[in-house]
């Protein structure tokens, strides 16, 4: 089995259905003997350019291990799901389990906000 990194851009109106969507894809992967090494919900972010007059979207990222048939099923589901605006599947040499830079940077940003709040409270 091969390792893949999947990034999904989901329509902002479908943000409430993201968890069920991810669970469906996880079930599809694991039912065929694959593994999900990590999945991250990056939340709503600004798009680099508008897609169909949409300026923000919900970002998701998964690192998986599966065979070619399962990957084809996933790609088919991504293509015909109206909620998914864009998808990107990248082949990896090994499983990636560390948190991505998006998650670590957002944690640092939240830490800066808390530090600013503490400084403001002292004044």
C-alpha atoms as a PDB file:
ATOM      1  CA  UNK A   1       0.000   0.000   0.000  1.00  0.00           C
ATOM      2  CA  UNK A   2       1.077   3.538  -0.679  1.00  0.00           C
ATOM      3  CA  UNK A   3       0.951   6.700   1.381  1.00  0.00           C
ATOM      4  CA  UNK A   4      -0.999   9.755   0.261  1.00  0.00           C
ATOM      5  CA  UNK A   5      -1.699  13.258   1.482  1.00  0.00           C
ATOM      6  CA  UNK A   6      -5.168  14.541   0.628  1.00  0.00           C
ATOM      7  CA  UNK A   7      -6.197  18.183   0.912  1.00  0.00           C
ATOM      8  CA  UNK A   8      -9.833  19.174   0.442  1.00  0.00           C
ATOM      9  CA  UNK A   9     -11.419  22.589   0.034  1.00  0.00           C
ATOM     10  CA  UNK A  10     -15.070  22.405   1.074  1.00  0.00           C
ATOM     11  CA  UNK A  11     -17.830  24.902   0.287  1.00  0.00           C
ATOM     12  CA  UNK A  12     -18.354  27.200   3.304  1.00  0.00           C
ATOM     13  CA  UNK A  13     -22.103  26.486   3.413  1.00  0.00           C
ATOM     14  CA  UNK A  14     -21.287  22.795   3.989  1.00  0.00           C
ATOM     15  CA  UNK A  15     -18.969  23.387   6.975  1.00  0.00           C
ATOM     16  CA  UNK A  16     -21.465  21.794   9.357  1.00  0.00           C
ATOM     17  CA  UNK A  17     -21.303  18.530   7.395  1.00  0.00           C
ATOM     18  CA  UNK A  18     -17.511  18.277   7.410  1.00  0.00           C
ATOM     19  CA  UNK A  19     -17.347  15.800  10.305  1.00  0.00           C
ATOM     20  CA  UNK A  20     -19.786  13.363   8.694  1.00  0.00           C
ATOM     21  CA  UNK A  21     -17.965  13.715   5.382  1.00  0.00           C
ATOM     22  CA  UNK A  22     -14.611  12.900   6.984  1.00  0.00           C
ATOM     23  CA  UNK A  23     -16.081   9.921   8.863  1.00  0.00           C
ATOM     24  CA  UNK A  24     -17.508   8.571   5.597  1.00  0.00           C
ATOM     25  CA  UNK A  25     -14.122   8.834   3.901  1.00  0.00           C
ATOM     26  CA  UNK A  26     -12.327   7.270   6.890  1.00  0.00           C
ATOM     27  CA  UNK A  27     -14.758   4.353   6.825  1.00  0.00           C
ATOM     28  CA  UNK A  28     -14.162   3.890   3.087  1.00  0.00           C
ATOM     29  CA  UNK A  29     -10.397   3.821   3.648  1.00  0.00           C
ATOM     30  CA  UNK A  30     -10.372   1.465   6.643  1.00  0.00           C
ATOM     31  CA  UNK A  31     -12.987  -0.931   5.217  1.00  0.00           C
ATOM     32  CA  UNK A  32     -10.593  -1.806   2.387  1.00  0.00           C
ATOM     33  CA  UNK A  33      -7.654  -2.377   4.755  1.00  0.00           C
ATOM     34  CA  UNK A  34      -6.146   1.114   4.657  1.00  0.00           C
ATOM     35  CA  UNK A  35      -5.112   3.391   7.499  1.00  0.00           C
ATOM     36  CA  UNK A  36      -5.634   7.049   8.329  1.00  0.00           C
ATOM     37  CA  UNK A  37      -2.391   8.339   9.873  1.00  0.00           C
ATOM     38  CA  UNK A  38      -3.644  11.856  10.602  1.00  0.00           C
ATOM     39  CA  UNK A  39      -6.562  14.082   9.767  1.00  0.00           C
ATOM     40  CA  UNK A  40      -6.688  17.792  10.401  1.00  0.00           C
ATOM     41  CA  UNK A  41      -9.469  20.314  10.179  1.00  0.00           C
ATOM     42  CA  UNK A  42      -7.883  23.673   9.370  1.00  0.00           C
ATOM     43  CA  UNK A  43     -11.202  25.501   9.501  1.00  0.00           C
ATOM     44  CA  UNK A  44     -12.347  28.373   7.329  1.00  0.00           C
ATOM     45  CA  UNK A  45      -9.624  30.250   5.479  1.00  0.00           C
ATOM     46  CA  UNK A  46      -9.504  32.871   2.761  1.00  0.00           C
ATOM     47  CA  UNK A  47      -8.981  31.471  -0.714  1.00  0.00           C
ATOM     48  CA  UNK A  48      -6.029  32.712  -2.749  1.00  0.00           C
ATOM     49  CA  UNK A  49      -8.461  33.523  -5.530  1.00  0.00           C
ATOM     50  CA  UNK A  50     -12.277  33.362  -5.719  1.00  0.00           C
ATOM     51  CA  UNK A  51     -13.877  30.114  -6.895  1.00  0.00           C
ATOM     52  CA  UNK A  52     -17.410  30.670  -8.268  1.00  0.00           C
ATOM     53  CA  UNK A  53     -17.646  33.965  -6.327  1.00  0.00           C
ATOM     54  CA  UNK A  54     -16.688  32.235  -3.074  1.00  0.00           C
ATOM     55  CA  UNK A  55     -13.941  33.957  -1.072  1.00  0.00           C
ATOM     56  CA  UNK A  56     -13.667  31.672   1.974  1.00  0.00           C
ATOM     57  CA  UNK A  57     -13.736  27.896   2.256  1.00  0.00           C
ATOM     58  CA  UNK A  58     -13.252  25.100   4.792  1.00  0.00           C
ATOM     59  CA  UNK A  59      -9.901  23.285   4.542  1.00  0.00           C
ATOM     60  CA  UNK A  60      -9.255  19.635   5.489  1.00  0.00           C
ATOM     61  CA  UNK A  61      -6.121  17.518   5.289  1.00  0.00           C
ATOM     62  CA  UNK A  62      -5.596  13.759   5.692  1.00  0.00           C
ATOM     63  CA  UNK A  63      -2.584  11.471   5.467  1.00  0.00           C
ATOM     64  CA  UNK A  64      -3.635   7.966   4.536  1.00  0.00           C
ATOM     65  CA  UNK A  65      -2.258   4.605   3.487  1.00  0.00           C
ATOM     66  CA  UNK A  66      -4.341   2.676   0.957  1.00  0.00           C
ATOM     67  CA  UNK A  67      -4.275   0.720  -2.294  1.00  0.00           C
ATOM     68  CA  UNK A  68      -5.007   2.034  -5.793  1.00  0.00           C
ATOM     69  CA  UNK A  69      -8.646   0.845  -5.842  1.00  0.00           C
ATOM     70  CA  UNK A  70      -9.473   2.711  -2.627  1.00  0.00           C
ATOM     71  CA  UNK A  71      -7.768   5.840  -3.923  1.00  0.00           C
ATOM     72  CA  UNK A  72      -9.821   5.637  -7.115  1.00  0.00           C
ATOM     73  CA  UNK A  73     -13.025   5.335  -5.048  1.00  0.00           C
ATOM     74  CA  UNK A  74     -12.033   8.374  -2.995  1.00  0.00           C
ATOM     75  CA  UNK A  75     -11.183  10.399  -6.077  1.00  0.00           C
ATOM     76  CA  UNK A  76     -14.542   9.437  -7.631  1.00  0.00           C
ATOM     77  CA  UNK A  77     -16.359  10.554  -4.476  1.00  0.00           C
ATOM     78  CA  UNK A  78     -14.437  13.850  -4.409  1.00  0.00           C
ATOM     79  CA  UNK A  79     -15.226  14.544  -8.051  1.00  0.00           C
ATOM     80  CA  UNK A  80     -18.989  14.080  -7.721  1.00  0.00           C
ATOM     81  CA  UNK A  81     -19.463  15.690  -4.304  1.00  0.00           C
ATOM     82  CA  UNK A  82     -20.811  19.204  -4.848  1.00  0.00           C
ATOM     83  CA  UNK A  83     -19.568  20.331  -1.438  1.00  0.00           C
ATOM     84  CA  UNK A  84     -15.911  19.799  -2.416  1.00  0.00           C
ATOM     85  CA  UNK A  85     -14.650  22.759  -4.430  1.00  0.00           C
ATOM     86  CA  UNK A  86     -11.106  21.452  -4.971  1.00  0.00           C
ATOM     87  CA  UNK A  87      -9.075  18.412  -3.972  1.00  0.00           C
ATOM     88  CA  UNK A  88      -5.402  17.562  -4.134  1.00  0.00           C
ATOM     89  CA  UNK A  89      -3.916  14.078  -3.735  1.00  0.00           C
ATOM     90  CA  UNK A  90      -0.138  13.815  -3.349  1.00  0.00           C
ATOM     91  CA  UNK A  91       1.812  10.569  -3.163  1.00  0.00           C
ATOM     92  CA  UNK A  92       4.236  10.353  -0.223  1.00  0.00           C
ATOM     93  CA  UNK A  93       7.195   8.052   0.404  1.00  0.00           C
ATOM     94  CA  UNK A  94       6.297   7.372   4.032  1.00  0.00           C
ATOM     95  CA  UNK A  95       3.533   7.992   6.513  1.00  0.00           C
ATOM     96  CA  UNK A  96       3.377  11.504   7.921  1.00  0.00           C
ATOM     97  CA  UNK A  97       2.043  11.595  11.478  1.00  0.00           C
ATOM     98  CA  UNK A  98       3.445  14.876  12.820  1.00  0.00           C
ATOM     99  CA  UNK A  99       1.117  17.879  12.997  1.00  0.00           C
ATOM    100  CA  UNK A 100       1.269  20.067   9.905  1.00  0.00           C
ATOM    101  CA  UNK A 101       2.597  23.608   9.868  1.00  0.00           C
ATOM    102  CA  UNK A 102      -0.962  24.927   9.637  1.00  0.00           C
ATOM    103  CA  UNK A 103      -1.866  23.380  12.985  1.00  0.00           C
ATOM    104  CA  UNK A 104       1.378  24.323  14.726  1.00  0.00           C
ATOM    105  CA  UNK A 105       1.213  27.925  13.453  1.00  0.00           C
ATOM    106  CA  UNK A 106      -2.397  28.315  14.575  1.00  0.00           C
ATOM    107  CA  UNK A 107      -1.383  27.035  18.028  1.00  0.00           C
ATOM    108  CA  UNK A 108       1.388  29.650  18.151  1.00  0.00           C
ATOM    109  CA  UNK A 109      -1.034  32.365  17.048  1.00  0.00           C
ATOM    110  CA  UNK A 110      -3.457  31.410  19.809  1.00  0.00           C
ATOM    111  CA  UNK A 111      -0.542  31.555  22.271  1.00  0.00           C
ATOM    112  CA  UNK A 112       0.329  35.086  21.075  1.00  0.00           C
ATOM    113  CA  UNK A 113      -3.279  36.175  21.512  1.00  0.00           C
ATOM    114  CA  UNK A 114      -3.301  34.837  25.057  1.00  0.00           C
ATOM    115  CA  UNK A 115       0.016  36.568  25.780  1.00  0.00           C
ATOM    116  CA  UNK A 116      -1.394  39.873  24.467  1.00  0.00           C
ATOM    117  CA  UNK A 117      -4.460  39.414  26.682  1.00  0.00           C
ATOM    118  CA  UNK A 118      -2.247  38.840  29.745  1.00  0.00           C
ATOM    119  CA  UNK A 119      -0.229  41.995  28.975  1.00  0.00           C
ATOM    120  CA  UNK A 120      -3.446  44.005  28.506  1.00  0.00           C
ATOM    121  CA  UNK A 121      -4.786  42.677  31.825  1.00  0.00           C
ATOM    122  CA  UNK A 122      -1.648  43.826  33.687  1.00  0.00           C
ATOM    123  CA  UNK A 123      -2.090  47.407  32.429  1.00  0.00           C
END
